[in-house]
Protein backbone atom coordinates (compact mmCIF):
# COMPACT_ATOMS: atom_id res chain seq x y z
CA MET A 1 0.04 -0.17 -0.10
CA LYS A 2 1.41 3.79 -1.01
CA THR A 3 0.52 6.01 1.84
CA THR A 4 0.59 10.36 1.83
CA ILE A 5 1.07 12.10 4.86
CA GLN A 6 0.29 15.98 4.61
CA ILE A 7 2.26 17.14 7.64
CA GLN A 8 2.88 20.69 8.53
CA ASN A 9 6.43 22.69 9.54
CA LEU A 10 8.10 21.37 7.07
CA LYS A 11 10.58 24.55 6.26
CA CYS A 12 13.21 23.36 3.83
CA GLY A 13 15.75 20.28 3.56
CA GLY A 14 17.05 20.40 7.28
CA CYS A 15 13.47 19.49 7.90
CA ALA A 16 13.35 16.54 5.13
CA LYS A 17 16.57 15.03 5.71
CA THR A 18 15.55 14.99 9.46
CA ILE A 19 11.75 12.97 8.72
CA THR A 20 13.84 10.93 5.70
CA ASP A 21 17.07 9.80 8.95
CA LYS A 22 14.60 8.60 10.73
CA LEU A 23 11.29 7.34 9.17
CA SER A 24 13.65 4.91 6.51
CA GLY A 25 14.65 3.64 10.56
CA LEU A 26 11.14 2.70 10.89
CA ASN A 27 9.99 -1.56 9.97
CA GLY A 28 7.62 -1.54 7.67
CA ILE A 29 8.14 1.74 5.44
CA ASN A 30 9.52 1.48 2.05
CA LYS A 31 10.36 3.94 -0.90
CA LEU A 32 9.67 6.83 1.25
CA THR A 33 9.64 10.54 -0.23
CA ILE A 34 9.68 13.96 1.34
CA GLU A 35 7.75 16.29 -1.24
CA GLN A 36 9.04 19.69 0.50
CA GLU A 37 6.56 21.96 -1.92
CA THR A 38 3.10 19.95 -0.74
CA SER A 39 4.84 19.05 2.75
CA SER A 40 3.96 15.28 2.49
CA VAL A 41 5.93 12.49 3.27
CA ILE A 42 5.04 9.46 1.21
CA PHE A 43 5.92 5.82 1.92
CA GLU A 44 4.96 2.53 0.62
CA HIS A 45 3.71 -0.73 3.45
CA GLN A 46 2.14 -3.48 4.01
CA ASN A 47 0.88 -3.21 7.51
CA SER A 48 -1.42 -0.20 8.24
CA ASP A 49 -0.02 -0.22 11.74
CA VAL A 50 3.05 1.56 10.40
CA VAL A 51 1.48 4.63 9.13
CA PHE A 52 0.02 5.08 12.82
CA VAL A 53 3.95 5.04 14.38
CA ALA A 54 5.17 7.01 11.16
CA LYS A 55 2.62 9.55 12.36
CA ASP A 56 3.44 9.42 16.59
CA LYS A 57 6.96 9.66 15.14
CA LEU A 58 6.67 12.75 12.76
CA ARG A 59 4.50 14.42 15.75
CA ALA A 60 7.02 13.37 18.39
CA LEU A 61 9.93 14.92 15.64
CA GLY A 62 7.66 18.59 15.49
CA TYR A 63 6.41 17.39 12.42
CA PRO A 64 2.42 16.86 12.99
CA ALA A 65 0.10 15.18 10.29
CA ILE A 66 -2.11 18.43 9.34
CA ASP A 67 -5.11 17.14 10.90
CA ASP A 68 -3.11 17.51 14.15
CA GLU A 69 -2.67 20.62 16.62
CA ASN A 70 0.17 22.18 15.75
CA GLY A 71 1.05 24.50 19.25
CA ILE A 72 4.21 25.95 20.18
CA LEU A 73 5.81 22.59 21.31
CA GLN A 74 5.40 21.11 17.87
CA LYS A 75 6.97 24.12 15.96
CA ALA A 76 10.10 24.48 18.30
CA LYS A 77 10.32 20.52 17.56
CA SER A 78 10.15 21.12 14.47
CA PHE A 79 13.24 24.13 14.52
CA VAL A 80 15.50 21.86 16.80
CA SER A 81 15.05 18.53 14.22
CA CYS A 82 15.26 20.83 11.20
CA ALA A 83 18.73 22.55 12.57
CA ASN A 84 19.21 19.09 13.47
CA GLY A 85 18.49 18.47 9.82
CA LYS A 86 20.69 21.03 7.92
CA PHE A 87 23.87 19.95 10.57
CA ARG A 88 23.70 16.49 9.70
CA SER A 89 23.93 17.16 5.85
CA ASN A 90 26.48 19.52 6.29
């Protein structure tokens, strides 16, 4: 199956790098793509439970799904995740 999760707070390549690093390590996620233009995380999976795990991981990183709360804590987490992604990409 293929799933697209539209997320909040995705601003740059640093954010995309962090998301890619963290989600690619999850068991059951294949062919992961991050589309910055549409703020979308796209991946293939066999088990629908992995979608819930991915959404939880994204929320923990500061990138909640578009229909989830996006308070100051989420925005602060995304800022840190973004900075980490930029630092690792250099």
